[in-house]
């Protein structure tokens, strides 16, 4: 049985210190990928862009700065639960978003009711599905080499 949680949150896309605009962002959690959340950003004039990253990263980032690599999440004020900055980076390109903590917490609470944090491994065939996915990924370079030869 496939189960998911969705929510739409308005976030500010911070273009610069002087310029920002509000955009709708769809939050999605699916039990088929129990460790991840997906955020789909609907930027004006562009096709929607989806980012997937750890559900635990989003939860931790609401309370303290965290994240390595392409995704960094941090509260705007560590002393109070108010807003959160989400910084996404691809190469030299960066995008900074500001979201209210309350709707993020409400979304994460709904994901936790579906699959409690720390219980992701207990889902049906998660280990088997992961093994199959890894086998497919590892087989792709060999198939590409055979097709090229």
Protein backbone atom coordinates (compact mmCIF):
# COMPACT_ATOMS: atom_id res chain seq x y z
CA UNK A 1 0.00 0.00 0.00
CA UNK A 2 1.46 3.32 -1.08
CA UNK A 3 1.03 6.18 1.33
CA UNK A 4 2.18 9.76 1.11
CA UNK A 5 1.85 13.14 2.75
CA UNK A 6 1.67 16.42 0.84
CA UNK A 7 1.46 20.06 1.81
CA UNK A 8 1.83 23.40 0.06
CA UNK A 9 3.83 26.11 1.80
CA UNK A 10 4.50 29.66 0.70
CA UNK A 11 8.21 30.50 0.84
CA UNK A 12 10.17 33.61 0.05
CA UNK A 13 12.74 33.23 -2.70
CA UNK A 14 15.52 35.59 -1.59
CA UNK A 15 17.11 36.85 -4.79
CA UNK A 16 19.16 39.52 -2.98
CA UNK A 17 18.93 41.57 0.21
CA UNK A 18 16.65 43.99 -1.62
CA UNK A 19 14.62 41.58 -3.73
CA UNK A 20 12.50 38.58 -2.77
CA UNK A 21 9.20 37.14 -3.87
CA UNK A 22 6.83 34.54 -2.51
CA UNK A 23 6.40 31.24 -4.29
CA UNK A 24 4.37 28.10 -3.63
CA UNK A 25 6.42 25.06 -2.66
CA UNK A 26 4.95 21.59 -2.58
CA UNK A 27 6.27 19.37 0.20
CA UNK A 28 5.93 15.63 -0.35
CA UNK A 29 6.80 12.52 1.62
CA UNK A 30 6.25 9.02 0.27
CA UNK A 31 6.67 5.73 2.13
CA UNK A 32 8.39 4.26 -0.97
CA UNK A 33 11.36 6.52 -0.12
CA UNK A 34 10.98 6.77 3.66
CA UNK A 35 14.19 8.68 4.40
CA UNK A 36 13.53 11.56 2.01
CA UNK A 37 11.29 14.57 1.59
CA UNK A 38 10.77 16.29 -1.74
CA UNK A 39 10.30 20.01 -2.21
CA UNK A 40 8.97 21.20 -5.56
CA UNK A 41 9.58 24.89 -6.16
CA UNK A 42 7.22 26.68 -8.54
CA UNK A 43 9.31 29.62 -9.75
CA UNK A 44 7.59 32.16 -12.02
CA UNK A 45 8.38 31.61 -15.69
CA UNK A 46 10.25 28.34 -15.08
CA UNK A 47 9.30 24.70 -14.96
CA UNK A 48 8.87 23.38 -11.42
CA UNK A 49 12.11 22.20 -9.81
CA UNK A 50 12.14 19.32 -7.32
CA UNK A 51 14.80 18.71 -4.68
CA UNK A 52 14.95 15.57 -2.56
CA UNK A 53 16.91 15.37 0.67
CA UNK A 54 16.79 13.70 4.07
CA UNK A 55 13.69 14.13 6.18
CA UNK A 56 15.94 14.23 9.24
CA UNK A 57 17.97 17.08 7.69
CA UNK A 58 14.81 19.19 7.41
CA UNK A 59 13.84 18.37 10.99
CA UNK A 60 17.30 19.16 12.38
CA UNK A 61 17.60 22.35 10.32
CA UNK A 62 14.52 23.85 11.96
CA UNK A 63 16.39 23.96 15.28
CA UNK A 64 20.07 24.34 14.34
CA UNK A 65 22.23 24.96 11.27
CA UNK A 66 22.93 21.73 9.43
CA UNK A 67 23.66 20.25 6.05
CA UNK A 68 26.67 19.48 3.94
CA UNK A 69 27.06 19.74 0.23
CA UNK A 70 24.16 21.04 -1.82
CA UNK A 71 21.55 21.54 0.92
CA UNK A 72 21.91 23.71 4.02
CA UNK A 73 19.06 24.42 6.43
CA UNK A 74 19.19 26.74 9.43
CA UNK A 75 16.84 28.70 11.67
CA UNK A 76 16.93 32.45 11.04
CA UNK A 77 16.99 32.97 14.82
CA UNK A 78 18.34 30.05 16.89
CA UNK A 79 16.70 31.48 20.03
CA UNK A 80 13.12 31.13 18.78
CA UNK A 81 11.15 28.91 16.44
CA UNK A 82 10.17 31.35 13.71
CA UNK A 83 11.61 31.09 10.19
CA UNK A 84 14.04 28.76 8.46
CA UNK A 85 16.52 29.40 5.64
CA UNK A 86 16.91 26.66 3.04
CA UNK A 87 19.92 27.11 0.77
CA UNK A 88 20.26 24.92 -2.31
CA UNK A 89 23.39 24.87 -4.43
CA UNK A 90 24.36 23.35 -7.77
CA UNK A 91 27.95 24.14 -8.68
CA UNK A 92 28.31 27.92 -8.35
CA UNK A 93 24.56 28.56 -8.54
CA UNK A 94 22.75 29.08 -5.25
CA UNK A 95 19.16 29.69 -4.27
CA UNK A 96 18.05 30.85 -0.83
CA UNK A 97 14.52 30.39 0.49
CA UNK A 98 12.88 31.49 3.72
CA UNK A 99 9.98 29.52 5.16
CA UNK A 100 7.96 29.69 8.32
CA UNK A 101 8.96 26.94 10.75
CA UNK A 102 5.36 26.19 11.80
CA UNK A 103 4.15 24.74 8.44
CA UNK A 104 7.36 22.71 8.13
CA UNK A 105 6.88 21.29 11.63
CA UNK A 106 3.23 20.48 10.83
CA UNK A 107 4.31 18.66 7.65
CA UNK A 108 7.03 16.72 9.47
CA UNK A 109 4.56 15.78 12.19
CA UNK A 110 2.30 14.26 9.53
CA UNK A 111 5.24 12.30 8.06
CA UNK A 112 6.11 11.05 11.53
CA UNK A 113 2.57 9.75 12.03
CA UNK A 114 2.90 7.86 8.74
CA UNK A 115 6.44 6.54 9.44
CA UNK A 116 7.95 7.42 12.83
CA UNK A 117 11.54 8.69 12.64
CA UNK A 118 13.88 5.78 13.17
CA UNK A 119 11.32 3.25 11.92
CA UNK A 120 12.03 3.67 8.19
CA UNK A 121 13.85 0.32 7.96
CA UNK A 122 10.78 -1.51 9.25
CA UNK A 123 8.76 -0.73 6.12
CA UNK A 124 7.77 -3.74 4.03
CA UNK A 125 10.41 -4.49 1.42
CA UNK A 126 12.61 -1.44 1.88
CA UNK A 127 15.86 -3.43 2.12
CA UNK A 128 14.90 -5.59 -0.87
CA UNK A 129 13.87 -2.54 -2.92
CA UNK A 130 17.14 -0.83 -2.03
CA UNK A 131 19.16 -3.87 -3.10
CA UNK A 132 17.28 -4.03 -6.43
CA UNK A 133 17.83 -0.32 -7.06
CA UNK A 134 21.55 -0.62 -6.27
CA UNK A 135 21.84 -3.65 -8.59
CA UNK A 136 20.23 -1.63 -11.43
CA UNK A 137 22.50 1.37 -10.81
CA UNK A 138 25.62 -0.78 -10.72
CA UNK A 139 24.58 -2.65 -13.89
CA UNK A 140 24.08 0.57 -15.92
CA UNK A 141 27.79 1.41 -16.45
CA UNK A 142 28.47 -2.19 -17.57
CA UNK A 143 25.56 -2.09 -20.02
CA UNK A 144 26.69 1.30 -21.35
CA UNK A 145 30.24 -0.05 -21.86
CA UNK A 146 28.89 -3.11 -23.70
CA UNK A 147 26.66 -0.94 -25.92
CA UNK A 148 29.54 1.42 -26.72
CA UNK A 149 31.86 -1.43 -27.77
